[in-house]
Amino acid sequence: MKKVELFYSPACPHCPQARELLKEYKEANPGFKYAEVNTFTPEGVDRGMSLRVMAVPCVVVDDEIMIVGWPFSAEDILKAIQ
C-alpha cells in the first residue's frame, strides 16, 4: 500500500486548498495511507529535513517528493501515486 504525506504550513496561503484536495481524493480513492505533516512542529521539521522538503505544499509518495507547490489537481495526485 502506498504511503502519501502532505507537508503543509499553517502560514501557507495555498496549503488549505491542497489539504482539502487531498482529503477529497483520499475519500474517493481509499487505496493508500494518508498523513498530513505540519512543518511548524518539531516532528514535522525533522520529517521534512529527512526528505529534503524545501517548500509547501509538498506531496511525498513512499518517501519520494512527487509534487511541490501549488496549484495541482486530482489528476496530478493520481499520476504521483501511480
PDB file of N, CA and C in Angstrom:
ATOM      1  N   MET A   1       0.840  -1.180   0.000  1.00  0.00           N
ATOM      2  CA  MET A   1       0.000   0.000   0.000  1.00  0.00           C
ATOM      3  C   MET A   1       0.887   1.245   0.000  1.00  0.00           C
ATOM      4  N   LYS A   2       0.560   2.181  -0.844  1.00  0.00           N
ATOM      5  CA  LYS A   2       1.317   3.421  -0.943  1.00  0.00           C
ATOM      6  C   LYS A   2       1.091   4.286   0.297  1.00  0.00           C
ATOM      7  N   LYS A   3       2.131   5.028   0.645  1.00  0.00           N
ATOM      8  CA  LYS A   3       2.056   5.980   1.754  1.00  0.00           C
ATOM      9  C   LYS A   3       2.211   7.379   1.178  1.00  0.00           C
ATOM     10  N   VAL A   4       1.193   8.204   1.368  1.00  0.00           N
ATOM     11  CA  VAL A   4       1.189   9.565   0.847  1.00  0.00           C
ATOM     12  C   VAL A   4       1.216  10.533   2.022  1.00  0.00           C
ATOM     13  N   GLU A   5       2.142  11.478   1.979  1.00  0.00           N
ATOM     14  CA  GLU A   5       2.237  12.512   3.007  1.00  0.00           C
ATOM     15  C   GLU A   5       2.102  13.877   2.344  1.00  0.00           C
ATOM     16  N   LEU A   6       1.334  14.741   2.983  1.00  0.00           N
ATOM     17  CA  LEU A   6       1.245  16.127   2.545  1.00  0.00           C
ATOM     18  C   LEU A   6       1.933  16.986   3.587  1.00  0.00           C
ATOM     19  N   PHE A   7       3.002  17.639   3.187  1.00  0.00           N
ATOM     20  CA  PHE A   7       3.691  18.580   4.058  1.00  0.00           C
ATOM     21  C   PHE A   7       3.034  19.934   3.862  1.00  0.00           C
ATOM     22  N   TYR A   8       2.639  20.555   4.977  1.00  0.00           N
ATOM     23  CA  TYR A   8       1.958  21.840   4.909  1.00  0.00           C
ATOM     24  C   TYR A   8       2.425  22.743   6.037  1.00  0.00           C
ATOM     25  N   SER A   9       2.124  24.021   5.879  1.00  0.00           N
ATOM     26  CA  SER A   9       2.435  25.007   6.906  1.00  0.00           C
ATOM     27  C   SER A   9       1.170  25.791   7.212  1.00  0.00           C
ATOM     28  N   PRO A  10       0.904  26.067   8.489  1.00  0.00           N
ATOM     29  CA  PRO A  10      -0.251  26.894   8.832  1.00  0.00           C
ATOM     30  C   PRO A  10      -0.137  28.314   8.270  1.00  0.00           C
ATOM     31  N   ALA A  11       1.056  28.759   7.933  1.00  0.00           N
ATOM     32  CA  ALA A  11       1.267  30.102   7.400  1.00  0.00           C
ATOM     33  C   ALA A  11       1.141  30.163   5.875  1.00  0.00           C
ATOM     34  N   CYS A  12       1.025  29.034   5.223  1.00  0.00           N
ATOM     35  CA  CYS A  12       0.965  28.966   3.762  1.00  0.00           C
ATOM     36  C   CYS A  12      -0.450  29.288   3.279  1.00  0.00           C
ATOM     37  N   PRO A  13      -0.598  30.243   2.365  1.00  0.00           N
ATOM     38  CA  PRO A  13      -1.933  30.587   1.890  1.00  0.00           C
ATOM     39  C   PRO A  13      -2.549  29.531   0.965  1.00  0.00           C
ATOM     40  N   HIS A  14      -1.733  28.648   0.393  1.00  0.00           N
ATOM     41  CA  HIS A  14      -2.233  27.638  -0.535  1.00  0.00           C
ATOM     42  C   HIS A  14      -2.444  26.270   0.108  1.00  0.00           C
ATOM     43  N   CYS A  15      -1.877  26.060   1.264  1.00  0.00           N
ATOM     44  CA  CYS A  15      -1.945  24.746   1.906  1.00  0.00           C
ATOM     45  C   CYS A  15      -3.370  24.312   2.269  1.00  0.00           C
ATOM     46  N   PRO A  16      -4.258  25.197   2.706  1.00  0.00           N
ATOM     47  CA  PRO A  16      -5.622  24.733   2.976  1.00  0.00           C
ATOM     48  C   PRO A  16      -6.298  24.127   1.747  1.00  0.00           C
ATOM     49  N   GLN A  17      -6.070  24.708   0.578  1.00  0.00           N
ATOM     50  CA  GLN A  17      -6.636  24.151  -0.650  1.00  0.00           C
ATOM     51  C   GLN A  17      -6.016  22.791  -0.963  1.00  0.00           C
ATOM     52  N   ALA A  18      -4.719  22.671  -0.781  1.00  0.00           N
ATOM     53  CA  ALA A  18      -4.035  21.401  -1.030  1.00  0.00           C
ATOM     54  C   ALA A  18      -4.531  20.333  -0.062  1.00  0.00           C
ATOM     55  N   ARG A  19      -4.692  20.689   1.196  1.00  0.00           N
ATOM     56  CA  ARG A  19      -5.177  19.736   2.203  1.00  0.00           C
ATOM     57  C   ARG A  19      -6.578  19.254   1.852  1.00  0.00           C
ATOM     58  N   GLU A  20      -7.442  20.171   1.456  1.00  0.00           N
ATOM     59  CA  GLU A  20      -8.813  19.815   1.095  1.00  0.00           C
ATOM     60  C   GLU A  20      -8.841  18.915  -0.134  1.00  0.00           C
ATOM     61  N   LEU A  21      -8.045  19.241  -1.134  1.00  0.00           N
ATOM     62  CA  LEU A  21      -7.989  18.429  -2.347  1.00  0.00           C
ATOM     63  C   LEU A  21      -7.528  17.002  -2.030  1.00  0.00           C
ATOM     64  N   LEU A  22      -6.509  16.870  -1.214  1.00  0.00           N
ATOM     65  CA  LEU A  22      -6.021  15.529  -0.871  1.00  0.00           C
ATOM     66  C   LEU A  22      -7.022  14.765  -0.010  1.00  0.00           C
ATOM     67  N   LYS A  23      -7.715  15.432   0.887  1.00  0.00           N
ATOM     68  CA  LYS A  23      -8.751  14.755   1.690  1.00  0.00           C
ATOM     69  C   LYS A  23      -9.859  14.238   0.783  1.00  0.00           C
ATOM     70  N   GLU A  24     -10.303  15.061  -0.164  1.00  0.00           N
ATOM     71  CA  GLU A  24     -11.335  14.639  -1.111  1.00  0.00           C
ATOM     72  C   GLU A  24     -10.844  13.476  -1.965  1.00  0.00           C
ATOM     73  N   TYR A  25      -9.602  13.558  -2.415  1.00  0.00           N
ATOM     74  CA  TYR A  25      -9.040  12.489  -3.229  1.00  0.00           C
ATOM     75  C   TYR A  25      -8.973  11.189  -2.427  1.00  0.00           C
ATOM     76  N   LYS A  26      -8.575  11.262  -1.175  1.00  0.00           N
ATOM     77  CA  LYS A  26      -8.483  10.074  -0.321  1.00  0.00           C
ATOM     78  C   LYS A  26      -9.854   9.432  -0.118  1.00  0.00           C
ATOM     79  N   GLU A  27     -10.871  10.255   0.090  1.00  0.00           N
ATOM     80  CA  GLU A  27     -12.224   9.728   0.267  1.00  0.00           C
ATOM     81  C   GLU A  27     -12.701   8.995  -0.986  1.00  0.00           C
ATOM     82  N   ALA A  28     -12.370   9.519  -2.160  1.00  0.00           N
ATOM     83  CA  ALA A  28     -12.792   8.921  -3.423  1.00  0.00           C
ATOM     84  C   ALA A  28     -11.903   7.749  -3.851  1.00  0.00           C
ATOM     85  N   ASN A  29     -10.690   7.682  -3.328  1.00  0.00           N
ATOM     86  CA  ASN A  29      -9.714   6.654  -3.718  1.00  0.00           C
ATOM     87  C   ASN A  29      -9.027   6.117  -2.467  1.00  0.00           C
ATOM     88  N   PRO A  30      -9.687   5.233  -1.732  1.00  0.00           N
ATOM     89  CA  PRO A  30      -9.172   4.821  -0.422  1.00  0.00           C
ATOM     90  C   PRO A  30      -8.045   3.783  -0.424  1.00  0.00           C
ATOM     91  N   GLY A  31      -7.302   3.621  -1.501  1.00  0.00           N
ATOM     92  CA  GLY A  31      -6.296   2.569  -1.563  1.00  0.00           C
ATOM     93  C   GLY A  31      -4.902   2.964  -1.128  1.00  0.00           C
ATOM     94  N   PHE A  32      -4.760   3.962  -0.257  1.00  0.00           N
ATOM     95  CA  PHE A  32      -3.432   4.357   0.200  1.00  0.00           C
ATOM     96  C   PHE A  32      -3.509   4.963   1.596  1.00  0.00           C
ATOM     97  N   LYS A  33      -2.378   4.927   2.299  1.00  0.00           N
ATOM     98  CA  LYS A  33      -2.275   5.585   3.600  1.00  0.00           C
ATOM     99  C   LYS A  33      -2.036   7.069   3.357  1.00  0.00           C
ATOM    100  N   TYR A  34      -2.642   7.907   4.190  1.00  0.00           N
ATOM    101  CA  TYR A  34      -2.501   9.348   4.018  1.00  0.00           C
ATOM    102  C   TYR A  34      -2.188   9.990   5.361  1.00  0.00           C
ATOM    103  N   ALA A  35      -1.203  10.867   5.368  1.00  0.00           N
ATOM    104  CA  ALA A  35      -0.854  11.610   6.580  1.00  0.00           C
ATOM    105  C   ALA A  35      -0.526  13.044   6.203  1.00  0.00           C
ATOM    106  N   GLU A  36      -0.882  13.947   7.093  1.00  0.00           N
ATOM    107  CA  GLU A  36      -0.510  15.351   6.927  1.00  0.00           C
ATOM    108  C   GLU A  36       0.620  15.657   7.900  1.00  0.00           C
ATOM    109  N   VAL A  37       1.619  16.379   7.428  1.00  0.00           N
ATOM    110  CA  VAL A  37       2.785  16.708   8.239  1.00  0.00           C
ATOM    111  C   VAL A  37       2.884  18.230   8.347  1.00  0.00           C
ATOM    112  N   ASN A  38       2.707  18.733   9.553  1.00  0.00           N
ATOM    113  CA  ASN A  38       2.766  20.170   9.833  1.00  0.00           C
ATOM    114  C   ASN A  38       4.227  20.566   9.998  1.00  0.00           C
ATOM    115  N   THR A  39       4.716  21.407   9.108  1.00  0.00           N
ATOM    116  CA  THR A  39       6.121  21.795   9.154  1.00  0.00           C
ATOM    117  C   THR A  39       6.423  22.834  10.234  1.00  0.00           C
ATOM    118  N   PHE A  40       5.414  23.207  11.024  1.00  0.00           N
ATOM    119  CA  PHE A  40       5.634  24.123  12.144  1.00  0.00           C
ATOM    120  C   PHE A  40       5.781  23.373  13.466  1.00  0.00           C
ATOM    121  N   THR A  41       5.916  22.066  13.410  1.00  0.00           N
ATOM    122  CA  THR A  41       6.133  21.265  14.612  1.00  0.00           C
ATOM    123  C   THR A  41       7.540  20.670  14.559  1.00  0.00           C
ATOM    124  N   PRO A  42       8.130  20.381  15.706  1.00  0.00           N
ATOM    125  CA  PRO A  42       9.457  19.746  15.684  1.00  0.00           C
ATOM    126  C   PRO A  42       9.469  18.434  14.899  1.00  0.00           C
ATOM    127  N   GLU A  43       8.411  17.632  15.051  1.00  0.00           N
ATOM    128  CA  GLU A  43       8.336  16.370  14.323  1.00  0.00           C
ATOM    129  C   GLU A  43       8.250  16.611  12.818  1.00  0.00           C
ATOM    130  N   GLY A  44       7.450  17.617  12.426  1.00  0.00           N
ATOM    131  CA  GLY A  44       7.311  17.956  11.014  1.00  0.00           C
ATOM    132  C   GLY A  44       8.607  18.468  10.409  1.00  0.00           C
ATOM    133  N   VAL A  45       9.318  19.282  11.168  1.00  0.00           N
ATOM    134  CA  VAL A  45      10.618  19.783  10.702  1.00  0.00           C
ATOM    135  C   VAL A  45      11.585  18.618  10.506  1.00  0.00           C
ATOM    136  N   ASP A  46      11.644  17.720  11.486  1.00  0.00           N
ATOM    137  CA  ASP A  46      12.545  16.574  11.388  1.00  0.00           C
ATOM    138  C   ASP A  46      12.202  15.698  10.187  1.00  0.00           C
ATOM    139  N   ARG A  47      10.905  15.425  10.010  1.00  0.00           N
ATOM    140  CA  ARG A  47      10.483  14.582   8.885  1.00  0.00           C
ATOM    141  C   ARG A  47      10.789  15.281   7.557  1.00  0.00           C
ATOM    142  N   GLY A  48      10.486  16.551   7.460  1.00  0.00           N
ATOM    143  CA  GLY A  48      10.761  17.304   6.244  1.00  0.00           C
ATOM    144  C   GLY A  48      12.238  17.350   5.919  1.00  0.00           C
ATOM    145  N   MET A  49      13.066  17.554   6.940  1.00  0.00           N
ATOM    146  CA  MET A  49      14.513  17.590   6.719  1.00  0.00           C
ATOM    147  C   MET A  49      15.031  16.234   6.260  1.00  0.00           C
ATOM    148  N   SER A  50      14.459  15.151   6.774  1.00  0.00           N
ATOM    149  CA  SER A  50      14.924  13.817   6.385  1.00  0.00           C
ATOM    150  C   SER A  50      14.662  13.539   4.907  1.00  0.00           C
ATOM    151  N   LEU A  51      13.637  14.207   4.335  1.00  0.00           N
ATOM    152  CA  LEU A  51      13.298  14.021   2.922  1.00  0.00           C
ATOM    153  C   LEU A  51      13.750  15.183   2.041  1.00  0.00           C
ATOM    154  N   ARG A  52      14.315  16.222   2.685  1.00  0.00           N
ATOM    155  CA  ARG A  52      14.755  17.436   1.995  1.00  0.00           C
ATOM    156  C   ARG A  52      13.593  18.218   1.378  1.00  0.00           C
ATOM    157  N   VAL A  53      12.495  18.285   2.116  1.00  0.00           N
ATOM    158  CA  VAL A  53      11.358  19.108   1.700  1.00  0.00           C
ATOM    159  C   VAL A  53      11.753  20.566   1.912  1.00  0.00           C
ATOM    160  N   MET A  54      11.655  21.363   0.857  1.00  0.00           N
ATOM    161  CA  MET A  54      12.090  22.756   0.917  1.00  0.00           C
ATOM    162  C   MET A  54      10.956  23.751   0.716  1.00  0.00           C
ATOM    163  N   ALA A  55       9.771  23.281   0.341  1.00  0.00           N
ATOM    164  CA  ALA A  55       8.644  24.175   0.090  1.00  0.00           C
ATOM    165  C   ALA A  55       7.348  23.420   0.358  1.00  0.00           C
ATOM    166  N   VAL A  56       6.304  24.173   0.641  1.00  0.00           N
ATOM    167  CA  VAL A  56       4.985  23.593   0.870  1.00  0.00           C
ATOM    168  C   VAL A  56       3.974  24.287  -0.032  1.00  0.00           C
ATOM    169  N   PRO A  57       2.877  23.636  -0.340  1.00  0.00           N
ATOM    170  CA  PRO A  57       2.571  22.247  -0.051  1.00  0.00           C
ATOM    171  C   PRO A  57       3.478  21.302  -0.839  1.00  0.00           C
ATOM    172  N   CYS A  58       3.698  20.145  -0.254  1.00  0.00           N
ATOM    173  CA  CYS A  58       4.580  19.152  -0.864  1.00  0.00           C
ATOM    174  C   CYS A  58       3.970  17.768  -0.663  1.00  0.00           C
ATOM    175  N   VAL A  59       3.793  17.049  -1.760  1.00  0.00           N
ATOM    176  CA  VAL A  59       3.237  15.700  -1.707  1.00  0.00           C
ATOM    177  C   VAL A  59       4.384  14.713  -1.849  1.00  0.00           C
ATOM    178  N   VAL A  60       4.483  13.819  -0.876  1.00  0.00           N
ATOM    179  CA  VAL A  60       5.525  12.797  -0.862  1.00  0.00           C
ATOM    180  C   VAL A  60       4.850  11.427  -0.941  1.00  0.00           C
ATOM    181  N   VAL A  61       5.311  10.591  -1.858  1.00  0.00           N
ATOM    182  CA  VAL A  61       4.770   9.248  -2.024  1.00  0.00           C
ATOM    183  C   VAL A  61       5.889   8.252  -1.760  1.00  0.00           C
ATOM    184  N   ASP A  62       5.675   7.401  -0.763  1.00  0.00           N
ATOM    185  CA  ASP A  62       6.677   6.396  -0.398  1.00  0.00           C
ATOM    186  C   ASP A  62       8.073   7.013  -0.266  1.00  0.00           C
ATOM    187  N   ASP A  63       8.145   8.115   0.478  1.00  0.00           N
ATOM    188  CA  ASP A  63       9.393   8.815   0.792  1.00  0.00           C
ATOM    189  C   ASP A  63      10.064   9.482  -0.412  1.00  0.00           C
ATOM    190  N   GLU A  64       9.320   9.700  -1.485  1.00  0.00           N
ATOM    191  CA  GLU A  64       9.848  10.395  -2.660  1.00  0.00           C
ATOM    192  C   GLU A  64       8.993  11.636  -2.936  1.00  0.00           C
ATOM    193  N   ILE A  65       9.633  12.784  -3.029  1.00  0.00           N
ATOM    194  CA  ILE A  65       8.917  14.023  -3.322  1.00  0.00           C
ATOM    195  C   ILE A  65       8.372  13.939  -4.746  1.00  0.00           C
ATOM    196  N   MET A  66       7.038  14.116  -4.858  1.00  0.00           N
ATOM    197  CA  MET A  66       6.387  13.992  -6.164  1.00  0.00           C
ATOM    198  C   MET A  66       5.777  15.304  -6.661  1.00  0.00           C
ATOM    199  N   ILE A  67       5.254  16.120  -5.747  1.00  0.00           N
ATOM    200  CA  ILE A  67       4.639  17.394  -6.127  1.00  0.00           C
ATOM    201  C   ILE A  67       5.111  18.455  -5.143  1.00  0.00           C
ATOM    202  N   VAL A  68       5.554  19.588  -5.667  1.00  0.00           N
ATOM    203  CA  VAL A  68       5.959  20.712  -4.823  1.00  0.00           C
ATOM    204  C   VAL A  68       5.259  21.961  -5.328  1.00  0.00           C
ATOM    205  N   GLY A  69       4.618  22.665  -4.419  1.00  0.00           N
ATOM    206  CA  GLY A  69       3.982  23.928  -4.772  1.00  0.00           C
ATOM    207  C   GLY A  69       2.541  23.768  -5.208  1.00  0.00           C
ATOM    208  N   TRP A  70       1.906  24.867  -5.359  1.00  0.00           N
ATOM    209  CA  TRP A  70       0.502  24.943  -5.747  1.00  0.00           C
ATOM    210  C   TRP A  70       0.422  25.764  -7.010  1.00  0.00           C
ATOM    211  N   PRO A  71      -0.420  25.502  -7.966  1.00  0.00           N
ATOM    212  CA  PRO A  71      -1.557  24.593  -7.910  1.00  0.00           C
ATOM    213  C   PRO A  71      -1.204  23.191  -8.398  1.00  0.00           C
ATOM    214  N   PHE A  72      -2.009  22.224  -7.949  1.00  0.00           N
ATOM    215  CA  PHE A  72      -2.012  20.888  -8.519  1.00  0.00           C
ATOM    216  C   PHE A  72      -3.434  20.365  -8.463  1.00  0.00           C
ATOM    217  N   SER A  73      -3.696  19.335  -9.241  1.00  0.00           N
ATOM    218  CA  SER A  73      -5.058  18.827  -9.381  1.00  0.00           C
ATOM    219  C   SER A  73      -5.158  17.385  -8.901  1.00  0.00           C
ATOM    220  N   ALA A  74      -6.382  16.888  -8.870  1.00  0.00           N
ATOM    221  CA  ALA A  74      -6.596  15.471  -8.531  1.00  0.00           C
ATOM    222  C   ALA A  74      -5.887  14.581  -9.534  1.00  0.00           C
ATOM    223  N   GLU A  75      -5.831  15.007 -10.795  1.00  0.00           N
ATOM    224  CA  GLU A  75      -5.120  14.243 -11.820  1.00  0.00           C
ATOM    225  C   GLU A  75      -3.620  14.194 -11.511  1.00  0.00           C
ATOM    226  N   ASP A  76      -3.062  15.293 -11.044  1.00  0.00           N
ATOM    227  CA  ASP A  76      -1.652  15.311 -10.660  1.00  0.00           C
ATOM    228  C   ASP A  76      -1.391  14.353  -9.498  1.00  0.00           C
ATOM    229  N   ILE A  77      -2.318  14.304  -8.558  1.00  0.00           N
ATOM    230  CA  ILE A  77      -2.180  13.392  -7.419  1.00  0.00           C
ATOM    231  C   ILE A  77      -2.211  11.938  -7.919  1.00  0.00           C
ATOM    232  N   LEU A  78      -3.147  11.647  -8.791  1.00  0.00           N
ATOM    233  CA  LEU A  78      -3.244  10.296  -9.359  1.00  0.00           C
ATOM    234  C   LEU A  78      -1.943   9.888 -10.034  1.00  0.00           C
ATOM    235  N   LYS A  79      -1.386  10.765 -10.845  1.00  0.00           N
ATOM    236  CA  LYS A  79      -0.113  10.481 -11.512  1.00  0.00           C
ATOM    237  C   LYS A  79       1.014  10.270 -10.498  1.00  0.00           C
ATOM    238  N   ALA A  80       1.029  11.059  -9.447  1.00  0.00           N
ATOM    239  CA  ALA A  80       2.091  10.940  -8.439  1.00  0.00           C
ATOM    240  C   ALA A  80       2.006   9.616  -7.685  1.00  0.00           C
ATOM    241  N   ILE A  81       0.798   9.159  -7.428  1.00  0.00           N
ATOM    242  CA  ILE A  81       0.625   7.941  -6.644  1.00  0.00           C
ATOM    243  C   ILE A  81       0.889   6.695  -7.494  1.00  0.00           C
ATOM    244  N   GLN A  82       0.590   6.778  -8.778  1.00  0.00           N
ATOM    245  CA  GLN A  82       0.818   5.609  -9.635  1.00  0.00           C
ATOM    246  C   GLN A  82       2.234   5.522  -9.973  1.00  0.00           C
TER     247      GLN A  82
END
